[in-house]
Amino acid sequence: MSESKFLRQNKEAVISQLNEDKKVYRVNKGERFYMLATFENGELVSLEEKELTPQWPRQRMMDENDSYQQNSQDPNQNQRWP
């Protein structure tokens, strides 16, 4: 398949990598998958479908760090003195 035909059929494609003779386009396919299409000299040489890795474990770690920081603040900060 030619590069121009691919781009006509996949209008949402964006350049992911650009070298002298090689271009890689990325096309999102829903929330979990994307496709990488590699062209050399205007012709398709590779087509890969990949799955996005979930980000929730990292987000959960960040949330736990926030709650730890909030709990480790000065304990006298919220107390009222008579």
PDB file of N, CA and C in Angstrom:
ATOM      1  N   MET A   1       0.852  -1.175   0.000  1.00  0.00           N
ATOM      2  CA  MET A   1       0.000   0.000   0.000  1.00  0.00           C
ATOM      3  C   MET A   1       0.892   1.229   0.000  1.00  0.00           C
ATOM      4  N   SER A   2       0.466   2.227  -0.718  1.00  0.00           N
ATOM      5  CA  SER A   2       1.254   3.464  -0.766  1.00  0.00           C
ATOM      6  C   SER A   2       0.930   4.336   0.446  1.00  0.00           C
ATOM      7  N   GLU A   3       1.859   5.206   0.769  1.00  0.00           N
ATOM      8  CA  GLU A   3       1.692   6.112   1.894  1.00  0.00           C
ATOM      9  C   GLU A   3       0.493   7.043   1.684  1.00  0.00           C
ATOM     10  N   SER A   4       0.327   7.547   0.483  1.00  0.00           N
ATOM     11  CA  SER A   4      -0.781   8.472   0.217  1.00  0.00           C
ATOM     12  C   SER A   4      -2.133   7.760   0.346  1.00  0.00           C
ATOM     13  N   LYS A   5      -2.229   6.513  -0.093  1.00  0.00           N
ATOM     14  CA  LYS A   5      -3.483   5.759   0.042  1.00  0.00           C
ATOM     15  C   LYS A   5      -3.788   5.506   1.518  1.00  0.00           C
ATOM     16  N   PHE A   6      -2.764   5.141   2.295  1.00  0.00           N
ATOM     17  CA  PHE A   6      -2.934   4.927   3.730  1.00  0.00           C
ATOM     18  C   PHE A   6      -3.459   6.189   4.411  1.00  0.00           C
ATOM     19  N   LEU A   7      -2.877   7.335   4.068  1.00  0.00           N
ATOM     20  CA  LEU A   7      -3.293   8.594   4.688  1.00  0.00           C
ATOM     21  C   LEU A   7      -4.709   8.991   4.277  1.00  0.00           C
ATOM     22  N   ARG A   8      -5.109   8.667   3.058  1.00  0.00           N
ATOM     23  CA  ARG A   8      -6.493   8.938   2.641  1.00  0.00           C
ATOM     24  C   ARG A   8      -7.469   8.077   3.438  1.00  0.00           C
ATOM     25  N   GLN A   9      -7.091   6.837   3.712  1.00  0.00           N
ATOM     26  CA  GLN A   9      -7.970   5.919   4.431  1.00  0.00           C
ATOM     27  C   GLN A   9      -7.931   6.130   5.943  1.00  0.00           C
ATOM     28  N   ASN A  10      -6.882   6.742   6.458  1.00  0.00           N
ATOM     29  CA  ASN A  10      -6.699   6.944   7.903  1.00  0.00           C
ATOM     30  C   ASN A  10      -6.407   8.416   8.178  1.00  0.00           C
ATOM     31  N   LYS A  11      -7.430   9.226   8.086  1.00  0.00           N
ATOM     32  CA  LYS A  11      -7.260  10.676   8.223  1.00  0.00           C
ATOM     33  C   LYS A  11      -6.784  11.096   9.615  1.00  0.00           C
ATOM     34  N   GLU A  12      -6.987  10.230  10.621  1.00  0.00           N
ATOM     35  CA  GLU A  12      -6.570  10.556  11.990  1.00  0.00           C
ATOM     36  C   GLU A  12      -5.117  10.158  12.271  1.00  0.00           C
ATOM     37  N   ALA A  13      -4.411   9.640  11.270  1.00  0.00           N
ATOM     38  CA  ALA A  13      -3.012   9.222  11.443  1.00  0.00           C
ATOM     39  C   ALA A  13      -2.117  10.429  11.714  1.00  0.00           C
ATOM     40  N   VAL A  14      -1.191  10.245  12.658  1.00  0.00           N
ATOM     41  CA  VAL A  14      -0.210  11.288  12.977  1.00  0.00           C
ATOM     42  C   VAL A  14       1.190  10.682  12.898  1.00  0.00           C
ATOM     43  N   ILE A  15       2.159  11.505  12.558  1.00  0.00           N
ATOM     44  CA  ILE A  15       3.538  11.026  12.467  1.00  0.00           C
ATOM     45  C   ILE A  15       4.056  10.742  13.870  1.00  0.00           C
ATOM     46  N   SER A  16       4.562   9.548  14.047  1.00  0.00           N
ATOM     47  CA  SER A  16       5.112   9.133  15.326  1.00  0.00           C
ATOM     48  C   SER A  16       6.637   9.193  15.313  1.00  0.00           C
ATOM     49  N   GLN A  17       7.231   8.877  14.153  1.00  0.00           N
ATOM     50  CA  GLN A  17       8.686   8.883  14.019  1.00  0.00           C
ATOM     51  C   GLN A  17       9.022   9.258  12.579  1.00  0.00           C
ATOM     52  N   LEU A  18      10.073  10.044  12.437  1.00  0.00           N
ATOM     53  CA  LEU A  18      10.453  10.512  11.104  1.00  0.00           C
ATOM     54  C   LEU A  18      11.968  10.424  10.954  1.00  0.00           C
ATOM     55  N   ASN A  19      12.405   9.626   9.979  1.00  0.00           N
ATOM     56  CA  ASN A  19      13.826   9.506   9.637  1.00  0.00           C
ATOM     57  C   ASN A  19      13.991   9.877   8.175  1.00  0.00           C
ATOM     58  N   GLU A  20      15.188   9.715   7.645  1.00  0.00           N
ATOM     59  CA  GLU A  20      15.443  10.090   6.251  1.00  0.00           C
ATOM     60  C   GLU A  20      14.548   9.337   5.274  1.00  0.00           C
ATOM     61  N   ASP A  21      14.579   8.018   5.325  1.00  0.00           N
ATOM     62  CA  ASP A  21      13.809   7.205   4.377  1.00  0.00           C
ATOM     63  C   ASP A  21      12.623   6.507   5.023  1.00  0.00           C
ATOM     64  N   LYS A  22      12.405   6.734   6.304  1.00  0.00           N
ATOM     65  CA  LYS A  22      11.399   5.966   7.051  1.00  0.00           C
ATOM     66  C   LYS A  22      10.451   6.905   7.793  1.00  0.00           C
ATOM     67  N   LYS A  23       9.148   6.639   7.687  1.00  0.00           N
ATOM     68  CA  LYS A  23       8.127   7.372   8.434  1.00  0.00           C
ATOM     69  C   LYS A  23       7.251   6.367   9.158  1.00  0.00           C
ATOM     70  N   VAL A  24       6.952   6.657  10.419  1.00  0.00           N
ATOM     71  CA  VAL A  24       6.055   5.802  11.195  1.00  0.00           C
ATOM     72  C   VAL A  24       4.853   6.644  11.597  1.00  0.00           C
ATOM     73  N   TYR A  25       3.664   6.158  11.251  1.00  0.00           N
ATOM     74  CA  TYR A  25       2.418   6.830  11.601  1.00  0.00           C
ATOM     75  C   TYR A  25       1.733   6.057  12.712  1.00  0.00           C
ATOM     76  N   ARG A  26       1.058   6.795  13.576  1.00  0.00           N
ATOM     77  CA  ARG A  26       0.291   6.186  14.663  1.00  0.00           C
ATOM     78  C   ARG A  26      -1.177   6.496  14.427  1.00  0.00           C
ATOM     79  N   VAL A  27      -2.015   5.460  14.577  1.00  0.00           N
ATOM     80  CA  VAL A  27      -3.459   5.611  14.435  1.00  0.00           C
ATOM     81  C   VAL A  27      -4.099   5.020  15.687  1.00  0.00           C
ATOM     82  N   ASN A  28      -4.819   5.829  16.444  1.00  0.00           N
ATOM     83  CA  ASN A  28      -5.506   5.333  17.632  1.00  0.00           C
ATOM     84  C   ASN A  28      -6.728   4.527  17.225  1.00  0.00           C
ATOM     85  N   LYS A  29      -6.890   3.374  17.864  1.00  0.00           N
ATOM     86  CA  LYS A  29      -8.009   2.475  17.593  1.00  0.00           C
ATOM     87  C   LYS A  29      -8.759   2.230  18.899  1.00  0.00           C
ATOM     88  N   GLY A  30      -9.512   3.207  19.328  1.00  0.00           N
ATOM     89  CA  GLY A  30     -10.235   3.076  20.586  1.00  0.00           C
ATOM     90  C   GLY A  30      -9.374   3.499  21.759  1.00  0.00           C
ATOM     91  N   GLU A  31      -9.824   3.145  22.956  1.00  0.00           N
ATOM     92  CA  GLU A  31      -9.129   3.571  24.169  1.00  0.00           C
ATOM     93  C   GLU A  31      -7.925   2.707  24.500  1.00  0.00           C
ATOM     94  N   ARG A  32      -7.911   1.441  24.038  1.00  0.00           N
ATOM     95  CA  ARG A  32      -6.864   0.522  24.470  1.00  0.00           C
ATOM     96  C   ARG A  32      -5.852   0.150  23.392  1.00  0.00           C
ATOM     97  N   PHE A  33      -6.141   0.413  22.140  1.00  0.00           N
ATOM     98  CA  PHE A  33      -5.266  -0.061  21.070  1.00  0.00           C
ATOM     99  C   PHE A  33      -4.841   1.073  20.150  1.00  0.00           C
ATOM    100  N   TYR A  34      -3.683   0.889  19.533  1.00  0.00           N
ATOM    101  CA  TYR A  34      -3.236   1.796  18.482  1.00  0.00           C
ATOM    102  C   TYR A  34      -2.473   0.986  17.448  1.00  0.00           C
ATOM    103  N   MET A  35      -2.304   1.572  16.291  1.00  0.00           N
ATOM    104  CA  MET A  35      -1.650   0.904  15.186  1.00  0.00           C
ATOM    105  C   MET A  35      -0.445   1.739  14.759  1.00  0.00           C
ATOM    106  N   LEU A  36       0.659   1.070  14.464  1.00  0.00           N
ATOM    107  CA  LEU A  36       1.842   1.731  13.930  1.00  0.00           C
ATOM    108  C   LEU A  36       2.056   1.239  12.500  1.00  0.00           C
ATOM    109  N   ALA A  37       2.115   2.165  11.576  1.00  0.00           N
ATOM    110  CA  ALA A  37       2.348   1.833  10.170  1.00  0.00           C
ATOM    111  C   ALA A  37       3.685   2.447   9.751  1.00  0.00           C
ATOM    112  N   THR A  38       4.592   1.619   9.282  1.00  0.00           N
ATOM    113  CA  THR A  38       5.927   2.068   8.900  1.00  0.00           C
ATOM    114  C   THR A  38       6.051   2.068   7.377  1.00  0.00           C
ATOM    115  N   PHE A  39       6.498   3.198   6.856  1.00  0.00           N
ATOM    116  CA  PHE A  39       6.684   3.358   5.413  1.00  0.00           C
ATOM    117  C   PHE A  39       8.133   3.664   5.127  1.00  0.00           C
ATOM    118  N   GLU A  40       8.667   3.011   4.097  1.00  0.00           N
ATOM    119  CA  GLU A  40       9.996   3.327   3.592  1.00  0.00           C
ATOM    120  C   GLU A  40       9.860   3.644   2.112  1.00  0.00           C
ATOM    121  N   ASN A  41      10.380   4.783   1.716  1.00  0.00           N
ATOM    122  CA  ASN A  41      10.299   5.251   0.324  1.00  0.00           C
ATOM    123  C   ASN A  41       8.866   5.248  -0.190  1.00  0.00           C
ATOM    124  N   GLY A  42       7.918   5.618   0.685  1.00  0.00           N
ATOM    125  CA  GLY A  42       6.522   5.762   0.278  1.00  0.00           C
ATOM    126  C   GLY A  42       5.710   4.483   0.238  1.00  0.00           C
ATOM    127  N   GLU A  43       6.296   3.338   0.620  1.00  0.00           N
ATOM    128  CA  GLU A  43       5.585   2.058   0.593  1.00  0.00           C
ATOM    129  C   GLU A  43       5.507   1.456   1.995  1.00  0.00           C
ATOM    130  N   LEU A  44       4.381   0.828   2.304  1.00  0.00           N
ATOM    131  CA  LEU A  44       4.168   0.192   3.606  1.00  0.00           C
ATOM    132  C   LEU A  44       5.083  -1.018   3.754  1.00  0.00           C
ATOM    133  N   VAL A  45       5.874  -1.033   4.836  1.00  0.00           N
ATOM    134  CA  VAL A  45       6.768  -2.163   5.087  1.00  0.00           C
ATOM    135  C   VAL A  45       6.430  -2.904   6.377  1.00  0.00           C
ATOM    136  N   SER A  46       5.661  -2.247   7.271  1.00  0.00           N
ATOM    137  CA  SER A  46       5.328  -2.883   8.546  1.00  0.00           C
ATOM    138  C   SER A  46       4.042  -2.281   9.093  1.00  0.00           C
ATOM    139  N   LEU A  47       3.204  -3.145   9.646  1.00  0.00           N
ATOM    140  CA  LEU A  47       1.961  -2.717  10.270  1.00  0.00           C
ATOM    141  C   LEU A  47       1.827  -3.479  11.575  1.00  0.00           C
ATOM    142  N   GLU A  48       1.762  -2.754  12.706  1.00  0.00           N
ATOM    143  CA  GLU A  48       1.699  -3.382  14.026  1.00  0.00           C
ATOM    144  C   GLU A  48       0.515  -2.835  14.802  1.00  0.00           C
ATOM    145  N   GLU A  49      -0.181  -3.719  15.506  1.00  0.00           N
ATOM    146  CA  GLU A  49      -1.220  -3.278  16.429  1.00  0.00           C
ATOM    147  C   GLU A  49      -0.689  -3.481  17.835  1.00  0.00           C
ATOM    148  N   LYS A  50      -0.820  -2.454  18.655  1.00  0.00           N
ATOM    149  CA  LYS A  50      -0.292  -2.498  20.020  1.00  0.00           C
ATOM    150  C   LYS A  50      -1.392  -2.133  21.002  1.00  0.00           C
ATOM    151  N   GLU A  51      -1.204  -2.595  22.233  1.00  0.00           N
ATOM    152  CA  GLU A  51      -2.158  -2.294  23.297  1.00  0.00           C
ATOM    153  C   GLU A  51      -1.527  -1.309  24.271  1.00  0.00           C
ATOM    154  N   LEU A  52      -2.289  -0.316  24.659  1.00  0.00           N
ATOM    155  CA  LEU A  52      -1.805   0.641  25.643  1.00  0.00           C
ATOM    156  C   LEU A  52      -1.715  -0.031  26.999  1.00  0.00           C
ATOM    157  N   THR A  53      -0.682   0.295  27.757  1.00  0.00           N
ATOM    158  CA  THR A  53      -0.573  -0.249  29.109  1.00  0.00           C
ATOM    159  C   THR A  53      -1.423   0.595  30.047  1.00  0.00           C
ATOM    160  N   PRO A  54      -2.132  -0.045  30.964  1.00  0.00           N
ATOM    161  CA  PRO A  54      -2.983   0.720  31.875  1.00  0.00           C
ATOM    162  C   PRO A  54      -2.156   1.633  32.776  1.00  0.00           C
ATOM    163  N   GLN A  55      -2.680   2.804  33.052  1.00  0.00           N
ATOM    164  CA  GLN A  55      -1.977   3.778  33.881  1.00  0.00           C
ATOM    165  C   GLN A  55      -2.441   3.765  35.335  1.00  0.00           C
ATOM    166  N   TRP A  56      -3.463   2.976  35.668  1.00  0.00           N
ATOM    167  CA  TRP A  56      -4.026   3.048  37.016  1.00  0.00           C
ATOM    168  C   TRP A  56      -3.055   2.681  38.130  1.00  0.00           C
ATOM    169  N   PRO A  57      -2.121   1.708  37.995  1.00  0.00           N
ATOM    170  CA  PRO A  57      -1.225   1.447  39.130  1.00  0.00           C
ATOM    171  C   PRO A  57      -0.363   2.659  39.471  1.00  0.00           C
ATOM    172  N   ARG A  58       0.110   3.342  38.461  1.00  0.00           N
ATOM    173  CA  ARG A  58       0.925   4.531  38.693  1.00  0.00           C
ATOM    174  C   ARG A  58       0.092   5.622  39.365  1.00  0.00           C
ATOM    175  N   GLN A  59      -1.136   5.808  38.890  1.00  0.00           N
ATOM    176  CA  GLN A  59      -2.007   6.822  39.475  1.00  0.00           C
ATOM    177  C   GLN A  59      -2.307   6.475  40.933  1.00  0.00           C
ATOM    178  N   ARG A  60      -2.525   5.185  41.214  1.00  0.00           N
ATOM    179  CA  ARG A  60      -2.822   4.771  42.584  1.00  0.00           C
ATOM    180  C   ARG A  60      -1.639   5.060  43.492  1.00  0.00           C
ATOM    181  N   MET A  61      -0.410   4.809  43.008  1.00  0.00           N
ATOM    182  CA  MET A  61       0.777   5.113  43.799  1.00  0.00           C
ATOM    183  C   MET A  61       0.858   6.600  44.091  1.00  0.00           C
ATOM    184  N   MET A  62       0.546   7.425  43.106  1.00  0.00           N
ATOM    185  CA  MET A  62       0.605   8.872  43.295  1.00  0.00           C
ATOM    186  C   MET A  62      -0.451   9.297  44.309  1.00  0.00           C
ATOM    187  N   ASP A  63      -1.645   8.707  44.244  1.00  0.00           N
ATOM    188  CA  ASP A  63      -2.700   9.038  45.197  1.00  0.00           C
ATOM    189  C   ASP A  63      -2.303   8.639  46.609  1.00  0.00           C
ATOM    190  N   GLU A  64      -1.664   7.480  46.758  1.00  0.00           N
ATOM    191  CA  GLU A  64      -1.215   7.043  48.076  1.00  0.00           C
ATOM    192  C   GLU A  64      -0.161   7.988  48.629  1.00  0.00           C
ATOM    193  N   ASN A  65       0.730   8.470  47.778  1.00  0.00           N
ATOM    194  CA  ASN A  65       1.746   9.429  48.225  1.00  0.00           C
ATOM    195  C   ASN A  65       1.096  10.725  48.689  1.00  0.00           C
ATOM    196  N   ASP A  66       0.062  11.181  48.012  1.00  0.00           N
ATOM    197  CA  ASP A  66      -0.635  12.390  48.415  1.00  0.00           C
ATOM    198  C   ASP A  66      -1.271  12.220  49.784  1.00  0.00           C
ATOM    199  N   SER A  67      -1.927  11.091  50.002  1.00  0.00           N
ATOM    200  CA  SER A  67      -2.584  10.875  51.294  1.00  0.00           C
ATOM    201  C   SER A  67      -1.544  10.737  52.395  1.00  0.00           C
ATOM    202  N   TYR A  68      -0.373  10.150  52.079  1.00  0.00           N
ATOM    203  CA  TYR A  68       0.692  10.044  53.071  1.00  0.00           C
ATOM    204  C   TYR A  68       1.199  11.429  53.453  1.00  0.00           C
ATOM    205  N   GLN A  69       1.389  12.292  52.452  1.00  0.00           N
ATOM    206  CA  GLN A  69       1.874  13.635  52.726  1.00  0.00           C
ATOM    207  C   GLN A  69       0.865  14.424  53.546  1.00  0.00           C
ATOM    208  N   GLN A  70      -0.409  14.246  53.274  1.00  0.00           N
ATOM    209  CA  GLN A  70      -1.439  14.961  54.039  1.00  0.00           C
ATOM    210  C   GLN A  70      -1.466  14.472  55.486  1.00  0.00           C
ATOM    211  N   ASN A  71      -1.287  13.173  55.698  1.00  0.00           N
ATOM    212  CA  ASN A  71      -1.310  12.612  57.051  1.00  0.00           C
ATOM    213  C   ASN A  71      -0.045  12.915  57.826  1.00  0.00           C
ATOM    214  N   SER A  72       1.055  13.189  57.150  1.00  0.00           N
ATOM    215  CA  SER A  72       2.323  13.425  57.831  1.00  0.00           C
ATOM    216  C   SER A  72       2.568  14.915  58.108  1.00  0.00           C
ATOM    217  N   GLN A  73       1.589  15.762  57.848  1.00  0.00           N
ATOM    218  CA  GLN A  73       1.746  17.177  58.148  1.00  0.00           C
ATOM    219  C   GLN A  73       1.754  17.374  59.659  1.00  0.00           C
ATOM    220  N   ASP A  74       2.084  18.550  60.095  1.00  0.00           N
ATOM    221  CA  ASP A  74       2.165  18.888  61.513  1.00  0.00           C
ATOM    222  C   ASP A  74       0.860  18.519  62.217  1.00  0.00           C
ATOM    223  N   PRO A  75       0.893  17.603  63.195  1.00  0.00           N
ATOM    224  CA  PRO A  75      -0.343  17.175  63.864  1.00  0.00           C
ATOM    225  C   PRO A  75      -0.994  18.293  64.654  1.00  0.00           C
ATOM    226  N   ASN A  76      -0.244  19.309  65.032  1.00  0.00           N
ATOM    227  CA  ASN A  76      -0.811  20.423  65.800  1.00  0.00           C
ATOM    228  C   ASN A  76      -1.495  21.459  64.918  1.00  0.00           C
ATOM    229  N   GLN A  77      -1.382  21.295  63.620  1.00  0.00           N
ATOM    230  CA  GLN A  77      -1.898  22.295  62.689  1.00  0.00           C
ATOM    231  C   GLN A  77      -3.413  22.433  62.798  1.00  0.00           C
ATOM    232  N   ASN A  78      -4.148  21.345  62.950  1.00  0.00           N
ATOM    233  CA  ASN A  78      -5.600  21.389  62.958  1.00  0.00           C
ATOM    234  C   ASN A  78      -6.205  21.384  64.359  1.00  0.00           C
ATOM    235  N   GLN A  79      -5.376  21.413  65.391  1.00  0.00           N
ATOM    236  CA  GLN A  79      -5.907  21.395  66.746  1.00  0.00           C
ATOM    237  C   GLN A  79      -6.267  22.813  67.184  1.00  0.00           C
ATOM    238  N   ARG A  80      -7.300  22.890  67.980  1.00  0.00           N
ATOM    239  CA  ARG A  80      -7.682  24.181  68.580  1.00  0.00           C
ATOM    240  C   ARG A  80      -7.206  24.223  70.028  1.00  0.00           C
ATOM    241  N   TRP A  81      -6.649  25.319  70.395  1.00  0.00           N
ATOM    242  CA  TRP A  81      -6.167  25.489  71.764  1.00  0.00           C
ATOM    243  C   TRP A  81      -7.181  26.276  72.567  1.00  0.00           C
ATOM    244  N   PRO A  82      -7.437  25.835  73.802  1.00  0.00           N
ATOM    245  CA  PRO A  82      -8.435  26.542  74.642  1.00  0.00           C
ATOM    246  C   PRO A  82      -7.985  27.916  75.070  1.00  0.00           C
TER     247      PRO A  82
END
